[in-house]
Amino acid sequence: MIEYDFLTAKDVDAALEYLHKYESIKVIAGGTDLLVDIHKESSRLEKFDYILDISNIKALQFIDETEDSVELGPLCTHTMLINSKIINKHFPFLVTAAKSIGSTQIRNRGTVGGNISNASPAADLIPPLMALNAEIELSSVNGRRLIPLDNYIVGPYKTSKNNDELVTKIIIPKVDENYRFSFQKIGRRRALNIARLNLAVVAKINKKDLKIEDIRIVPGSATPFPVRFKNIEREILNKKSNELNLEELAKKIGDEMVNITGERWSTPYKKPALGSIFKKAIIEITNLSNGR
């Protein structure tokens, strides 16, 4: 049985003071990951003496739009993302990803900050947010700093957040109307679905000549932690959509996965499966008749 003391904070300053005062502390909001790990006494859990509940900090639950970005509070639930007019307008594939998470109850309690900071290889929000070049604002009693999401996730279930820091904002840069999005997912079953593979693709396509002027490809659950597949991006960049050899690219993205992970027991399944959802994503974003 894991024993710990339970702390609560009603505002950000109080939470930061607790994080500064105590070293061996875990932060909880929705609890959809941490409580399960505690119940199972997961070997993934590092030793801790305190749990800090931040779920009542209303200042961390927001979705705001600025001129250049959309800003999310870390306590935004997946349901808030799904229902947000701002997210549906600017980043509809983020809504698709949020809808694929767990059950209604999990979506109502699980938070964006928790999904990111748990840093699961199968997290459904990390690939689309990484493909959107999202940044994480980290706060402590000593101030604040911004870090790109692809530098925040440093390993399976590991982040670069210091022990005295708290995620206080997720910043997503806006993109222009020429950008298109796709989120694909394969799971073990339709309900309470944990991804065996997922994939986020963001691409800018020139409407006149169909040239792909920017592309970002981020698979999930394919590598120890989500990373952009930049070799595949370079294969596609500056080509016209009708010039792409999807069969060849599908093989190459599977090879890229194996280059990162090596051959594993799941490779015979995941390699062709990743190629398959990659082809679906490229077909979706290059079908200009369907709009954004």
C-alpha atoms as a PDB file:
ATOM      1  CA  MET A   1       0.000   0.000   0.000  1.00  0.00           C
ATOM      2  CA  ILE A   2       1.330   3.427  -0.959  1.00  0.00           C
ATOM      3  CA  GLU A   3       1.090   5.985   1.849  1.00  0.00           C
ATOM      4  CA  TYR A   4       1.169   9.743   1.361  1.00  0.00           C
ATOM      5  CA  ASP A   5      -0.127  13.049   2.742  1.00  0.00           C
ATOM      6  CA  PHE A   6      -2.754  14.905   0.736  1.00  0.00           C
ATOM      7  CA  LEU A   7      -2.451  18.642   0.045  1.00  0.00           C
ATOM      8  CA  THR A   8      -4.874  20.989  -1.711  1.00  0.00           C
ATOM      9  CA  ALA A   9      -4.292  24.336  -3.383  1.00  0.00           C
ATOM     10  CA  LYS A  10      -7.001  26.798  -4.336  1.00  0.00           C
ATOM     11  CA  ASP A  11      -4.799  29.139  -6.384  1.00  0.00           C
ATOM     12  CA  VAL A  12      -1.617  28.995  -8.444  1.00  0.00           C
ATOM     13  CA  ASP A  13       0.538  30.792  -5.875  1.00  0.00           C
ATOM     14  CA  ALA A  14      -0.380  28.288  -3.170  1.00  0.00           C
ATOM     15  CA  ALA A  15       0.387  25.380  -5.502  1.00  0.00           C
ATOM     16  CA  LEU A  16       3.800  26.833  -6.385  1.00  0.00           C
ATOM     17  CA  GLU A  17       4.611  27.350  -2.708  1.00  0.00           C
ATOM     18  CA  TYR A  18       3.844  23.689  -1.997  1.00  0.00           C
ATOM     19  CA  LEU A  19       5.995  22.581  -4.946  1.00  0.00           C
ATOM     20  CA  HIS A  20       8.827  24.790  -3.686  1.00  0.00           C
ATOM     21  CA  LYS A  21       8.526  23.509  -0.121  1.00  0.00           C
ATOM     22  CA  TYR A  22       8.237  19.771  -0.772  1.00  0.00           C
ATOM     23  CA  GLU A  23      10.482  17.774  -3.097  1.00  0.00           C
ATOM     24  CA  SER A  24       8.743  14.385  -3.103  1.00  0.00           C
ATOM     25  CA  ILE A  25       5.348  15.474  -4.423  1.00  0.00           C
ATOM     26  CA  LYS A  26       2.912  14.425  -7.150  1.00  0.00           C
ATOM     27  CA  VAL A  27       0.362  16.774  -8.709  1.00  0.00           C
ATOM     28  CA  ILE A  28      -3.171  15.543  -9.368  1.00  0.00           C
ATOM     29  CA  ALA A  29      -6.011  17.148 -11.324  1.00  0.00           C
ATOM     30  CA  GLY A  30      -8.327  14.727 -13.133  1.00  0.00           C
ATOM     31  CA  GLY A  31      -6.500  11.750 -11.671  1.00  0.00           C
ATOM     32  CA  THR A  32      -7.339   9.422 -14.572  1.00  0.00           C
ATOM     33  CA  ASP A  33      -3.719   8.273 -14.812  1.00  0.00           C
ATOM     34  CA  LEU A  34      -2.194   8.820 -11.365  1.00  0.00           C
ATOM     35  CA  LEU A  35      -4.984   7.214  -9.353  1.00  0.00           C
ATOM     36  CA  VAL A  36      -4.849   4.106 -11.535  1.00  0.00           C
ATOM     37  CA  ASP A  37      -1.081   3.871 -11.073  1.00  0.00           C
ATOM     38  CA  ILE A  38      -1.441   4.258  -7.306  1.00  0.00           C
ATOM     39  CA  HIS A  39      -4.158   1.619  -7.161  1.00  0.00           C
ATOM     40  CA  LYS A  40      -1.983  -0.793  -9.142  1.00  0.00           C
ATOM     41  CA  GLU A  41       1.162   0.270  -7.263  1.00  0.00           C
ATOM     42  CA  SER A  42       2.735   0.697 -10.676  1.00  0.00           C
ATOM     43  CA  SER A  43       6.488   0.266 -10.949  1.00  0.00           C
ATOM     44  CA  ARG A  44       6.390   3.428 -13.068  1.00  0.00           C
ATOM     45  CA  LEU A  45       5.688   5.525  -9.973  1.00  0.00           C
ATOM     46  CA  GLU A  46       8.695   7.148  -8.393  1.00  0.00           C
ATOM     47  CA  LYS A  47       8.641   7.393  -4.604  1.00  0.00           C
ATOM     48  CA  PHE A  48       6.564  10.301  -3.311  1.00  0.00           C
ATOM     49  CA  ASP A  49       5.364  11.521   0.082  1.00  0.00           C
ATOM     50  CA  TYR A  50       2.704  14.050  -0.937  1.00  0.00           C
ATOM     51  CA  ILE A  51      -0.089  14.456  -3.470  1.00  0.00           C
ATOM     52  CA  LEU A  52      -1.035  18.019  -4.369  1.00  0.00           C
ATOM     53  CA  ASP A  53      -4.606  18.459  -5.625  1.00  0.00           C
ATOM     54  CA  ILE A  54      -4.881  21.407  -8.038  1.00  0.00           C
ATOM     55  CA  SER A  55      -8.303  20.485  -9.437  1.00  0.00           C
ATOM     56  CA  ASN A  56     -10.042  23.477  -7.817  1.00  0.00           C
ATOM     57  CA  ILE A  57      -7.779  26.133  -9.331  1.00  0.00           C
ATOM     58  CA  LYS A  58     -10.257  27.827 -11.674  1.00  0.00           C
ATOM     59  CA  ALA A  59      -7.556  30.110 -13.070  1.00  0.00           C
ATOM     60  CA  LEU A  60      -6.020  27.083 -14.806  1.00  0.00           C
ATOM     61  CA  GLN A  61      -9.210  26.098 -16.643  1.00  0.00           C
ATOM     62  CA  PHE A  62      -9.592  28.256 -19.749  1.00  0.00           C
ATOM     63  CA  ILE A  63      -9.502  28.353 -23.535  1.00  0.00           C
ATOM     64  CA  ASP A  64      -8.545  31.809 -24.818  1.00  0.00           C
ATOM     65  CA  GLU A  65      -7.834  33.190 -28.269  1.00  0.00           C
ATOM     66  CA  THR A  66      -5.233  35.863 -28.957  1.00  0.00           C
ATOM     67  CA  GLU A  67      -4.264  37.423 -32.275  1.00  0.00           C
ATOM     68  CA  ASP A  68      -1.526  34.867 -32.911  1.00  0.00           C
ATOM     69  CA  SER A  69      -2.390  31.846 -30.789  1.00  0.00           C
ATOM     70  CA  VAL A  70      -4.884  29.791 -28.832  1.00  0.00           C
ATOM     71  CA  GLU A  71      -4.057  29.328 -25.155  1.00  0.00           C
ATOM     72  CA  LEU A  72      -5.250  26.408 -23.042  1.00  0.00           C
ATOM     73  CA  GLY A  73      -5.262  26.124 -19.283  1.00  0.00           C
ATOM     74  CA  PRO A  74      -3.807  22.803 -18.134  1.00  0.00           C
ATOM     75  CA  LEU A  75      -7.048  21.980 -16.293  1.00  0.00           C
ATOM     76  CA  CYS A  76      -9.095  22.100 -19.495  1.00  0.00           C
ATOM     77  CA  THR A  77     -10.842  18.780 -19.789  1.00  0.00           C
ATOM     78  CA  HIS A  78     -11.071  16.795 -23.005  1.00  0.00           C
ATOM     79  CA  THR A  79     -14.788  17.587 -23.057  1.00  0.00           C
ATOM     80  CA  MET A  80     -14.000  21.312 -22.949  1.00  0.00           C
ATOM     81  CA  LEU A  81     -11.812  20.887 -26.037  1.00  0.00           C
ATOM     82  CA  ILE A  82     -14.565  18.996 -27.842  1.00  0.00           C
ATOM     83  CA  ASN A  83     -17.170  21.671 -27.070  1.00  0.00           C
ATOM     84  CA  SER A  84     -14.952  24.708 -27.677  1.00  0.00           C
ATOM     85  CA  LYS A  85     -15.923  26.852 -30.667  1.00  0.00           C
ATOM     86  CA  ILE A  86     -12.351  28.210 -30.745  1.00  0.00           C
ATOM     87  CA  ILE A  87     -10.769  24.751 -31.016  1.00  0.00           C
ATOM     88  CA  ASN A  88     -13.340  23.548 -33.537  1.00  0.00           C
ATOM     89  CA  LYS A  89     -12.653  26.611 -35.689  1.00  0.00           C
ATOM     90  CA  HIS A  90      -8.849  26.572 -35.654  1.00  0.00           C
ATOM     91  CA  PHE A  91      -7.789  22.995 -34.877  1.00  0.00           C
ATOM     92  CA  PRO A  92     -10.601  20.541 -35.658  1.00  0.00           C
ATOM     93  CA  PHE A  93      -8.310  17.491 -35.602  1.00  0.00           C
ATOM     94  CA  LEU A  94      -7.559  18.270 -31.946  1.00  0.00           C
ATOM     95  CA  VAL A  95     -11.277  17.759 -31.339  1.00  0.00           C
ATOM     96  CA  THR A  96     -11.067  14.431 -33.193  1.00  0.00           C
ATOM     97  CA  ALA A  97      -8.182  13.374 -30.946  1.00  0.00           C
ATOM     98  CA  ALA A  98     -10.017  14.428 -27.781  1.00  0.00           C
ATOM     99  CA  LYS A  99     -13.142  12.512 -28.841  1.00  0.00           C
ATOM    100  CA  SER A 100     -11.064   9.337 -29.186  1.00  0.00           C
ATOM    101  CA  ILE A 101      -9.949   9.426 -25.541  1.00  0.00           C
ATOM    102  CA  GLY A 102     -11.489   6.905 -23.160  1.00  0.00           C
ATOM    103  CA  SER A 103     -15.119   7.141 -22.134  1.00  0.00           C
ATOM    104  CA  THR A 104     -17.414  10.109 -21.466  1.00  0.00           C
ATOM    105  CA  GLN A 105     -16.469   9.972 -17.780  1.00  0.00           C
ATOM    106  CA  ILE A 106     -12.740  10.032 -18.566  1.00  0.00           C
ATOM    107  CA  ARG A 107     -13.168  12.886 -21.038  1.00  0.00           C
ATOM    108  CA  ASN A 108     -15.100  14.834 -18.406  1.00  0.00           C
ATOM    109  CA  ARG A 109     -12.347  14.436 -15.790  1.00  0.00           C
ATOM    110  CA  GLY A 110      -9.119  13.995 -17.739  1.00  0.00           C
ATOM    111  CA  THR A 111      -7.190  17.204 -18.419  1.00  0.00           C
ATOM    112  CA  VAL A 112      -4.978  18.480 -21.212  1.00  0.00           C
ATOM    113  CA  GLY A 113      -2.154  19.207 -18.781  1.00  0.00           C
ATOM    114  CA  GLY A 114      -2.392  15.729 -17.318  1.00  0.00           C
ATOM    115  CA  ASN A 115      -2.427  14.039 -20.735  1.00  0.00           C
ATOM    116  CA  ILE A 116       0.723  15.927 -21.691  1.00  0.00           C
ATOM    117  CA  SER A 117       2.579  15.649 -18.389  1.00  0.00           C
ATOM    118  CA  ASN A 118       1.896  11.945 -17.954  1.00  0.00           C
ATOM    119  CA  ALA A 119       3.893  11.646 -21.203  1.00  0.00           C
ATOM    120  CA  SER A 120       2.463   8.272 -22.156  1.00  0.00           C
ATOM    121  CA  PRO A 121       3.725   6.987 -25.523  1.00  0.00           C
ATOM    122  CA  ALA A 122       0.049   6.401 -26.387  1.00  0.00           C
ATOM    123  CA  ALA A 123      -1.261   9.836 -25.320  1.00  0.00           C
ATOM    124  CA  ASP A 124      -3.742  11.041 -27.915  1.00  0.00           C
ATOM    125  CA  LEU A 125      -3.248  14.799 -27.489  1.00  0.00           C
ATOM    126  CA  ILE A 126       0.545  14.885 -27.680  1.00  0.00           C
ATOM    127  CA  PRO A 127       0.934  14.099 -31.433  1.00  0.00           C
ATOM    128  CA  PRO A 128      -1.504  16.786 -32.659  1.00  0.00           C
ATOM    129  CA  LEU A 129      -0.190  19.371 -30.199  1.00  0.00           C
ATOM    130  CA  MET A 130       3.394  18.561 -31.171  1.00  0.00           C
ATOM    131  CA  ALA A 131       2.476  18.828 -34.856  1.00  0.00           C
ATOM    132  CA  LEU A 132       1.024  22.254 -34.099  1.00  0.00           C
ATOM    133  CA  ASN A 133       4.328  23.396 -32.545  1.00  0.00           C
ATOM    134  CA  ALA A 134       2.661  23.914 -29.172  1.00  0.00           C
ATOM    135  CA  GLU A 135       4.645  25.441 -26.313  1.00  0.00           C
ATOM    136  CA  ILE A 136       4.331  24.720 -22.599  1.00  0.00           C
ATOM    137  CA  GLU A 137       4.465  27.461 -19.986  1.00  0.00           C
ATOM    138  CA  LEU A 138       6.099  26.237 -16.773  1.00  0.00           C
ATOM    139  CA  SER A 139       5.823  28.292 -13.589  1.00  0.00           C
ATOM    140  CA  SER A 140       7.629  28.199 -10.256  1.00  0.00           C
ATOM    141  CA  VAL A 141       8.156  30.636  -7.382  1.00  0.00           C
ATOM    142  CA  ASN A 142      11.196  31.855  -9.321  1.00  0.00           C
ATOM    143  CA  GLY A 143       9.273  32.806 -12.473  1.00  0.00           C
ATOM    144  CA  ARG A 144       8.050  31.350 -15.742  1.00  0.00           C
ATOM    145  CA  ARG A 145       9.610  29.793 -18.830  1.00  0.00           C
ATOM    146  CA  LEU A 146       8.351  28.563 -22.202  1.00  0.00           C
ATOM    147  CA  ILE A 147       9.469  25.278 -23.711  1.00  0.00           C
ATOM    148  CA  PRO A 148       8.427  23.622 -26.991  1.00  0.00           C
ATOM    149  CA  LEU A 149       6.361  20.502 -26.445  1.00  0.00           C
ATOM    150  CA  ASP A 150       8.875  18.396 -28.384  1.00  0.00           C
ATOM    151  CA  ASN A 151      11.515  19.437 -25.801  1.00  0.00           C
ATOM    152  CA  TYR A 152       9.126  18.943 -22.883  1.00  0.00           C
ATOM    153  CA  ILE A 153       8.586  15.227 -23.590  1.00  0.00           C
ATOM    154  CA  VAL A 154      11.994  13.613 -23.085  1.00  0.00           C
ATOM    155  CA  GLY A 155      11.146   9.936 -22.640  1.00  0.00           C
ATOM    156  CA  PRO A 156       8.327   7.482 -21.960  1.00  0.00           C
ATOM    157  CA  TYR A 157       6.464   8.943 -18.971  1.00  0.00           C
ATOM    158  CA  LYS A 158       9.217  11.557 -18.533  1.00  0.00           C
ATOM    159  CA  THR A 159       9.243  15.320 -19.036  1.00  0.00           C
ATOM    160  CA  SER A 160      11.813  18.076 -18.592  1.00  0.00           C
ATOM    161  CA  LYS A 161       9.653  19.792 -15.959  1.00  0.00           C
ATOM    162  CA  ASN A 162      11.540  20.519 -12.744  1.00  0.00           C
ATOM    163  CA  ASN A 163      10.084  19.244  -9.468  1.00  0.00           C
ATOM    164  CA  ASP A 164       9.122  22.752  -8.338  1.00  0.00           C
ATOM    165  CA  GLU A 165       7.389  23.678 -11.606  1.00  0.00           C
ATOM    166  CA  LEU A 166       3.747  23.550 -12.647  1.00  0.00           C
ATOM    167  CA  VAL A 167       2.295  23.622 -16.151  1.00  0.00           C
ATOM    168  CA  THR A 168       0.261  26.833 -16.272  1.00  0.00           C
ATOM    169  CA  LYS A 169      -0.486  27.229 -19.981  1.00  0.00           C
ATOM    170  CA  ILE A 170      -0.352  25.465 -23.339  1.00  0.00           C
ATOM    171  CA  ILE A 171       0.157  27.861 -26.258  1.00  0.00           C
ATOM    172  CA  ILE A 172      -0.792  26.795 -29.786  1.00  0.00           C
ATOM    173  CA  PRO A 173       0.301  29.090 -32.643  1.00  0.00           C
ATOM    174  CA  LYS A 174      -2.407  29.788 -35.173  1.00  0.00           C
ATOM    175  CA  VAL A 175      -1.885  28.711 -38.780  1.00  0.00           C
ATOM    176  CA  ASP A 176      -3.261  30.212 -41.973  1.00  0.00           C
ATOM    177  CA  GLU A 177      -6.117  28.915 -44.084  1.00  0.00           C
ATOM    178  CA  ASN A 178      -3.820  26.855 -46.301  1.00  0.00           C
ATOM    179  CA  TYR A 179      -3.067  24.416 -43.485  1.00  0.00           C
ATOM    180  CA  ARG A 180      -4.844  21.087 -43.259  1.00  0.00           C
ATOM    181  CA  PHE A 181      -4.988  18.533 -40.493  1.00  0.00           C
ATOM    182  CA  SER A 182      -5.513  14.825 -39.954  1.00  0.00           C
ATOM    183  CA  PHE A 183      -5.629  12.634 -36.843  1.00  0.00           C
ATOM    184  CA  GLN A 184      -5.752   8.863 -37.257  1.00  0.00           C
ATOM    185  CA  LYS A 185      -5.961   6.190 -34.565  1.00  0.00           C
ATOM    186  CA  ILE A 186      -5.962   2.419 -34.248  1.00  0.00           C
ATOM    187  CA  GLY A 187      -7.007   0.896 -30.927  1.00  0.00           C
ATOM    188  CA  ARG A 188      -7.695  -2.514 -29.463  1.00  0.00           C
ATOM    189  CA  ARG A 189     -11.428  -1.913 -29.281  1.00  0.00           C
ATOM    190  CA  ARG A 190     -13.938   0.850 -29.844  1.00  0.00           C
ATOM    191  CA  ALA A 191     -14.737   1.618 -26.181  1.00  0.00           C
ATOM    192  CA  LEU A 192     -12.215   2.896 -23.619  1.00  0.00           C
ATOM    193  CA  ASN A 193      -9.742   2.915 -26.453  1.00  0.00           C
ATOM    194  CA  ILE A 194      -6.006   3.144 -25.700  1.00  0.00           C
ATOM    195  CA  ALA A 195      -4.053   3.744 -28.880  1.00  0.00           C
ATOM    196  CA  ARG A 196      -2.005   0.962 -30.358  1.00  0.00           C
ATOM    197  CA  LEU A 197      -1.049   3.576 -32.931  1.00  0.00           C
ATOM    198  CA  ASN A 198      -2.077   7.130 -33.622  1.00  0.00           C
ATOM    199  CA  LEU A 199      -0.837   9.751 -36.040  1.00  0.00           C
ATOM    200  CA  ALA A 200      -1.127  13.512 -36.431  1.00  0.00           C
ATOM    201  CA  VAL A 201      -0.289  15.286 -39.671  1.00  0.00           C
ATOM    202  CA  VAL A 202      -0.310  19.041 -40.265  1.00  0.00           C
ATOM    203  CA  ALA A 203       0.438  20.320 -43.773  1.00  0.00           C
ATOM    204  CA  LYS A 204       0.365  23.593 -45.668  1.00  0.00           C
ATOM    205  CA  ILE A 205      -0.724  23.099 -49.274  1.00  0.00           C
ATOM    206  CA  ASN A 206      -0.593  25.832 -51.877  1.00  0.00           C
ATOM    207  CA  LYS A 207      -4.044  25.925 -53.461  1.00  0.00           C
ATOM    208  CA  LYS A 208      -2.732  27.030 -56.861  1.00  0.00           C
ATOM    209  CA  ASP A 209      -0.105  24.399 -57.602  1.00  0.00           C
ATOM    210  CA  LEU A 210      -0.842  21.903 -54.786  1.00  0.00           C
ATOM    211  CA  LYS A 211       2.742  22.147 -53.537  1.00  0.00           C
ATOM    212  CA  ILE A 212       3.251  21.027 -49.942  1.00  0.00           C
ATOM    213  CA  GLU A 213       5.001  24.009 -48.382  1.00  0.00           C
ATOM    214  CA  ASP A 214       5.127  22.733 -44.811  1.00  0.00           C
ATOM    215  CA  ILE A 215       4.459  19.340 -43.226  1.00  0.00           C
ATOM    216  CA  ARG A 216       4.729  17.930 -39.723  1.00  0.00           C
ATOM    217  CA  ILE A 217       4.258  14.223 -39.013  1.00  0.00           C
ATOM    218  CA  VAL A 218       3.992  12.880 -35.451  1.00  0.00           C
ATOM    219  CA  PRO A 219       3.044   9.241 -34.739  1.00  0.00           C
ATOM    220  CA  GLY A 220       2.067   8.122 -31.265  1.00  0.00           C
ATOM    221  CA  SER A 221       2.642   4.714 -29.681  1.00  0.00           C
ATOM    222  CA  ALA A 222       5.069   3.958 -32.514  1.00  0.00           C
ATOM    223  CA  THR A 223       8.212   5.090 -30.703  1.00  0.00           C
ATOM    224  CA  PRO A 224       9.187   5.207 -27.000  1.00  0.00           C
ATOM    225  CA  PHE A 225       7.768   8.740 -26.924  1.00  0.00           C
ATOM    226  CA  PRO A 226       6.212  10.887 -29.669  1.00  0.00           C
ATOM    227  CA  VAL A 227       8.675  12.610 -32.023  1.00  0.00           C
ATOM    228  CA  ARG A 228       8.384  14.225 -35.424  1.00  0.00           C
ATOM    229  CA  PHE A 229       9.402  11.992 -38.307  1.00  0.00           C
ATOM    230  CA  LYS A 230      11.557  14.625 -39.990  1.00  0.00           C
ATOM    231  CA  ASN A 231      13.107  12.290 -42.548  1.00  0.00           C
ATOM    232  CA  ILE A 232       9.653  11.554 -43.946  1.00  0.00           C
ATOM    233  CA  GLU A 233       8.768  15.250 -43.794  1.00  0.00           C
ATOM    234  CA  ARG A 234      11.805  16.018 -45.978  1.00  0.00           C
ATOM    235  CA  GLU A 235      10.679  13.372 -48.480  1.00  0.00           C
ATOM    236  CA  ILE A 236       7.371  15.201 -48.910  1.00  0.00           C
ATOM    237  CA  LEU A 237       8.282  18.874 -48.502  1.00  0.00           C
ATOM    238  CA  ASN A 238       7.996  21.019 -51.663  1.00  0.00           C
ATOM    239  CA  LYS A 239       6.455  18.202 -53.699  1.00  0.00           C
ATOM    240  CA  LYS A 240       3.043  18.535 -55.273  1.00  0.00           C
ATOM    241  CA  SER A 241       0.379  16.375 -53.688  1.00  0.00           C
ATOM    242  CA  ASN A 242      -0.243  14.528 -56.982  1.00  0.00           C
ATOM    243  CA  GLU A 243       3.468  13.653 -57.168  1.00  0.00           C
ATOM    244  CA  LEU A 244       3.496  11.650 -53.938  1.00  0.00           C
ATOM    245  CA  ASN A 245       4.031   7.909 -54.126  1.00  0.00           C
ATOM    246  CA  LEU A 246       1.942   6.850 -51.145  1.00  0.00           C
ATOM    247  CA  GLU A 247       2.958   3.196 -51.249  1.00  0.00           C
ATOM    248  CA  GLU A 248       6.636   4.079 -51.175  1.00  0.00           C
ATOM    249  CA  LEU A 249       6.132   6.666 -48.423  1.00  0.00           C
ATOM    250  CA  ALA A 250       4.095   4.208 -46.356  1.00  0.00           C
ATOM    251  CA  LYS A 251       6.981   1.746 -46.486  1.00  0.00           C
ATOM    252  CA  LYS A 252       9.483   4.467 -45.594  1.00  0.00           C
ATOM    253  CA  ILE A 253       7.521   5.633 -42.541  1.00  0.00           C
ATOM    254  CA  GLY A 254       7.483   2.044 -41.273  1.00  0.00           C
ATOM    255  CA  ASP A 255      11.229   1.819 -41.854  1.00  0.00           C
ATOM    256  CA  GLU A 256      11.710   5.099 -39.983  1.00  0.00           C
ATOM    257  CA  MET A 257       9.843   3.688 -36.988  1.00  0.00           C
ATOM    258  CA  VAL A 258      12.081   0.608 -36.961  1.00  0.00           C
ATOM    259  CA  ASN A 259      15.192   2.808 -37.242  1.00  0.00           C
ATOM    260  CA  ILE A 260      14.139   4.486 -33.997  1.00  0.00           C
ATOM    261  CA  THR A 261      12.797   1.510 -32.042  1.00  0.00           C
ATOM    262  CA  GLY A 262      14.595  -1.461 -33.555  1.00  0.00           C
ATOM    263  CA  GLU A 263      12.770  -4.703 -34.313  1.00  0.00           C
ATOM    264  CA  ARG A 264      10.266  -5.531 -31.557  1.00  0.00           C
ATOM    265  CA  TRP A 265       7.570  -8.160 -31.022  1.00  0.00           C
ATOM    266  CA  SER A 266       4.967  -5.663 -32.274  1.00  0.00           C
ATOM    267  CA  THR A 267       6.902  -4.612 -35.410  1.00  0.00           C
ATOM    268  CA  PRO A 268       5.218  -7.054 -37.860  1.00  0.00           C
ATOM    269  CA  TYR A 269       1.871  -5.482 -36.913  1.00  0.00           C
ATOM    270  CA  LYS A 270       2.820  -1.859 -36.344  1.00  0.00           C
ATOM    271  CA  LYS A 271       4.985  -1.350 -39.415  1.00  0.00           C
ATOM    272  CA  PRO A 272       2.248  -1.928 -42.041  1.00  0.00           C
ATOM    273  CA  ALA A 273      -0.417  -0.446 -39.748  1.00  0.00           C
ATOM    274  CA  LEU A 274       1.501   2.820 -39.431  1.00  0.00           C
ATOM    275  CA  GLY A 275       1.897   2.914 -43.200  1.00  0.00           C
ATOM    276  CA  SER A 276      -1.837   2.390 -43.596  1.00  0.00           C
ATOM    277  CA  ILE A 277      -2.950   5.234 -41.311  1.00  0.00           C
ATOM    278  CA  PHE A 278      -0.250   7.456 -42.814  1.00  0.00           C
ATOM    279  CA  LYS A 279      -1.731   6.924 -46.279  1.00  0.00           C
ATOM    280  CA  LYS A 280      -5.202   7.749 -44.919  1.00  0.00           C
ATOM    281  CA  ALA A 281      -3.871  10.954 -43.380  1.00  0.00           C
ATOM    282  CA  ILE A 282      -2.141  12.097 -46.574  1.00  0.00           C
ATOM    283  CA  ILE A 283      -5.233  11.349 -48.656  1.00  0.00           C
ATOM    284  CA  GLU A 284      -7.338  13.344 -46.185  1.00  0.00           C
ATOM    285  CA  ILE A 285      -5.139  16.440 -46.169  1.00  0.00           C
ATOM    286  CA  THR A 286      -4.558  16.488 -49.924  1.00  0.00           C
ATOM    287  CA  ASN A 287      -8.243  16.173 -50.821  1.00  0.00           C
ATOM    288  CA  LEU A 288      -8.803  19.893 -51.333  1.00  0.00           C
ATOM    289  CA  SER A 289     -12.456  19.463 -52.256  1.00  0.00           C
ATOM    290  CA  ASN A 290     -13.264  18.720 -48.615  1.00  0.00           C
ATOM    291  CA  GLY A 291     -11.916  22.046 -47.345  1.00  0.00           C
ATOM    292  CA  ARG A 292      -9.945  22.350 -44.112  1.00  0.00           C
END
